[in-house]
Amino acid sequence: MRLEFDGRSLNLPPEAIAQVGVIKDFNNQDTLDVTIAREWIAALADLTQDPQGRLISIFICGALVAEPALQGQISKGRFYVVGDPQVIHKAAVFLQAKSCRAAANS
């Protein structure tokens, strides 16, 4: 996973993803729920300083999957992404597999 924000980027290797799943948000929309491993939290918090309303680009396996507006700094290592349900589910499959090849037909 690669995150780009404010001209900087953070490449998160597969082991940086502690947990990932799809949940329903308060509007009953499919939401990607990502928790980052403890040793990567500071880097993610540093990347997302002073973010209010600015876009962050989220790439998984080289493909842009979302560009949400940040609601606040990601300081505790957990974030959510809402979007096209097919994209959300496919992103979860790749992140859970920790491989870009593992689920090519998903």
C-alpha atoms as a PDB file:
ATOM      1  CA  MET A   1       0.000   0.000   0.000  1.00  0.00           C
ATOM      2  CA  ARG A   2       1.274   3.457  -0.851  1.00  0.00           C
ATOM      3  CA  LEU A   3      -0.194   6.653   0.526  1.00  0.00           C
ATOM      4  CA  GLU A   4       0.487  10.031  -1.096  1.00  0.00           C
ATOM      5  CA  PHE A   5      -0.290  13.265   0.673  1.00  0.00           C
ATOM      6  CA  ASP A   6       0.917  16.826   0.254  1.00  0.00           C
ATOM      7  CA  GLY A   7       3.731  15.889  -2.146  1.00  0.00           C
ATOM      8  CA  ARG A   8       5.066  13.140   0.123  1.00  0.00           C
ATOM      9  CA  SER A   9       4.490   9.410   0.100  1.00  0.00           C
ATOM     10  CA  LEU A  10       4.614   6.483   2.497  1.00  0.00           C
ATOM     11  CA  ASN A  11       5.129   2.950   1.211  1.00  0.00           C
ATOM     12  CA  LEU A  12       3.644   0.458   3.638  1.00  0.00           C
ATOM     13  CA  PRO A  13       4.987  -3.079   3.124  1.00  0.00           C
ATOM     14  CA  PRO A  14       2.606  -6.022   3.629  1.00  0.00           C
ATOM     15  CA  GLU A  15       3.788  -6.541   7.215  1.00  0.00           C
ATOM     16  CA  ALA A  16       2.764  -2.938   8.024  1.00  0.00           C
ATOM     17  CA  ILE A  17      -0.901  -3.917   7.649  1.00  0.00           C
ATOM     18  CA  ALA A  18      -1.916  -5.384  11.013  1.00  0.00           C
ATOM     19  CA  GLN A  19      -5.588  -5.897  10.244  1.00  0.00           C
ATOM     20  CA  VAL A  20      -7.982  -5.207   7.400  1.00  0.00           C
ATOM     21  CA  GLY A  21     -11.644  -5.870   6.831  1.00  0.00           C
ATOM     22  CA  VAL A  22     -14.849  -4.548   5.352  1.00  0.00           C
ATOM     23  CA  ILE A  23     -17.438  -3.124   7.720  1.00  0.00           C
ATOM     24  CA  LYS A  24     -20.646  -1.113   7.312  1.00  0.00           C
ATOM     25  CA  ASP A  25     -20.459   2.565   8.219  1.00  0.00           C
ATOM     26  CA  PHE A  26     -23.270   4.565   9.840  1.00  0.00           C
ATOM     27  CA  ASN A  27     -24.874   5.007   6.378  1.00  0.00           C
ATOM     28  CA  ASN A  28     -24.726   1.224   5.798  1.00  0.00           C
ATOM     29  CA  GLN A  29     -22.007   1.675   3.144  1.00  0.00           C
ATOM     30  CA  ASP A  30     -19.203  -0.837   2.718  1.00  0.00           C
ATOM     31  CA  THR A  31     -16.098   0.612   4.324  1.00  0.00           C
ATOM     32  CA  LEU A  32     -12.500  -0.560   4.218  1.00  0.00           C
ATOM     33  CA  ASP A  33     -11.231  -0.743   7.814  1.00  0.00           C
ATOM     34  CA  VAL A  34      -7.407  -0.711   8.006  1.00  0.00           C
ATOM     35  CA  THR A  35      -5.215  -0.960  11.101  1.00  0.00           C
ATOM     36  CA  ILE A  36      -1.498  -0.306  10.733  1.00  0.00           C
ATOM     37  CA  ALA A  37       1.140  -2.198  12.726  1.00  0.00           C
ATOM     38  CA  ARG A  38       2.405  -0.341  15.778  1.00  0.00           C
ATOM     39  CA  GLU A  39       5.876   0.307  14.339  1.00  0.00           C
ATOM     40  CA  TRP A  40       4.352   2.216  11.391  1.00  0.00           C
ATOM     41  CA  ILE A  41       1.938   4.450  13.338  1.00  0.00           C
ATOM     42  CA  ALA A  42       4.410   7.330  13.825  1.00  0.00           C
ATOM     43  CA  ALA A  43       5.263   7.438  10.101  1.00  0.00           C
ATOM     44  CA  LEU A  44       1.570   7.518   9.164  1.00  0.00           C
ATOM     45  CA  ALA A  45       0.853  10.227  11.736  1.00  0.00           C
ATOM     46  CA  ASP A  46       3.776  12.276  10.401  1.00  0.00           C
ATOM     47  CA  LEU A  47       2.532  11.944   6.806  1.00  0.00           C
ATOM     48  CA  THR A  48      -0.997  13.082   7.692  1.00  0.00           C
ATOM     49  CA  GLN A  49      -0.194  16.124   9.854  1.00  0.00           C
ATOM     50  CA  ASP A  50      -2.482  19.133   9.355  1.00  0.00           C
ATOM     51  CA  PRO A  51      -4.769  17.330   6.901  1.00  0.00           C
ATOM     52  CA  GLN A  52      -8.217  18.841   7.437  1.00  0.00           C
ATOM     53  CA  GLY A  53     -10.215  18.406   4.219  1.00  0.00           C
ATOM     54  CA  ARG A  54      -7.205  17.690   2.005  1.00  0.00           C
ATOM     55  CA  LEU A  55      -7.031  14.650  -0.257  1.00  0.00           C
ATOM     56  CA  ILE A  56      -4.854  11.610   0.328  1.00  0.00           C
ATOM     57  CA  SER A  57      -4.195   9.184  -2.532  1.00  0.00           C
ATOM     58  CA  ILE A  58      -4.343   5.505  -1.621  1.00  0.00           C
ATOM     59  CA  PHE A  59      -2.686   3.010  -3.951  1.00  0.00           C
ATOM     60  CA  ILE A  60      -2.920  -0.764  -3.575  1.00  0.00           C
ATOM     61  CA  CYS A  61      -0.868  -2.969  -5.871  1.00  0.00           C
ATOM     62  CA  GLY A  62       0.029   0.125  -7.899  1.00  0.00           C
ATOM     63  CA  ALA A  63      -3.583   1.071  -8.617  1.00  0.00           C
ATOM     64  CA  LEU A  64      -5.225   4.191  -7.257  1.00  0.00           C
ATOM     65  CA  VAL A  65      -8.180   2.928  -5.206  1.00  0.00           C
ATOM     66  CA  ALA A  66      -9.329   6.080  -3.451  1.00  0.00           C
ATOM     67  CA  GLU A  67      -8.656   9.765  -2.892  1.00  0.00           C
ATOM     68  CA  PRO A  68     -10.665  10.619   0.187  1.00  0.00           C
ATOM     69  CA  ALA A  69     -10.589  13.930   2.029  1.00  0.00           C
ATOM     70  CA  LEU A  70      -8.949  13.421   5.387  1.00  0.00           C
ATOM     71  CA  GLN A  71     -11.074  14.326   8.383  1.00  0.00           C
ATOM     72  CA  GLY A  72      -8.082  14.530  10.719  1.00  0.00           C
ATOM     73  CA  GLN A  73      -4.572  13.269  11.302  1.00  0.00           C
ATOM     74  CA  ILE A  74      -4.271   9.478  11.298  1.00  0.00           C
ATOM     75  CA  SER A  75      -2.514   9.345  14.636  1.00  0.00           C
ATOM     76  CA  LYS A  76      -3.589   6.015  16.108  1.00  0.00           C
ATOM     77  CA  GLY A  77      -2.936   3.783  13.117  1.00  0.00           C
ATOM     78  CA  ARG A  78      -6.498   3.043  12.079  1.00  0.00           C
ATOM     79  CA  PHE A  79      -8.413   4.522   9.175  1.00  0.00           C
ATOM     80  CA  TYR A  80     -11.502   3.889   7.070  1.00  0.00           C
ATOM     81  CA  VAL A  81     -12.138   4.328   3.352  1.00  0.00           C
ATOM     82  CA  VAL A  82     -15.630   4.536   1.858  1.00  0.00           C
ATOM     83  CA  GLY A  83     -16.175   4.144  -1.861  1.00  0.00           C
ATOM     84  CA  ASP A  84     -17.320   1.864  -4.624  1.00  0.00           C
ATOM     85  CA  PRO A  85     -18.227  -1.438  -2.903  1.00  0.00           C
ATOM     86  CA  GLN A  86     -16.430  -3.532  -5.558  1.00  0.00           C
ATOM     87  CA  VAL A  87     -13.233  -1.531  -5.105  1.00  0.00           C
ATOM     88  CA  ILE A  88     -13.509  -1.693  -1.300  1.00  0.00           C
ATOM     89  CA  HIS A  89     -13.923  -5.483  -1.333  1.00  0.00           C
ATOM     90  CA  LYS A  90     -11.137  -6.031  -3.867  1.00  0.00           C
ATOM     91  CA  ALA A  91      -8.777  -3.793  -1.852  1.00  0.00           C
ATOM     92  CA  ALA A  92      -9.558  -5.837   1.254  1.00  0.00           C
ATOM     93  CA  VAL A  93      -8.804  -9.104  -0.561  1.00  0.00           C
ATOM     94  CA  PHE A  94      -5.397  -7.881  -1.740  1.00  0.00           C
ATOM     95  CA  LEU A  95      -4.476  -6.396   1.636  1.00  0.00           C
ATOM     96  CA  GLN A  96      -5.551  -9.532   3.516  1.00  0.00           C
ATOM     97  CA  ALA A  97      -3.596 -11.748   1.104  1.00  0.00           C
ATOM     98  CA  LYS A  98      -0.553  -9.460   1.505  1.00  0.00           C
ATOM     99  CA  SER A  99       0.114 -10.046  -2.180  1.00  0.00           C
ATOM    100  CA  CYS A 100      -0.803  -8.426  -5.466  1.00  0.00           C
ATOM    101  CA  ARG A 101      -0.833 -11.826  -7.197  1.00  0.00           C
ATOM    102  CA  ALA A 102      -2.838 -13.802  -4.660  1.00  0.00           C
ATOM    103  CA  ALA A 103      -6.254 -12.686  -5.808  1.00  0.00           C
ATOM    104  CA  ALA A 104      -5.850 -11.575  -9.404  1.00  0.00           C
ATOM    105  CA  ASN A 105      -9.339 -12.786 -10.360  1.00  0.00           C
ATOM    106  CA  SER A 106     -11.164 -11.251  -7.382  1.00  0.00           C
END
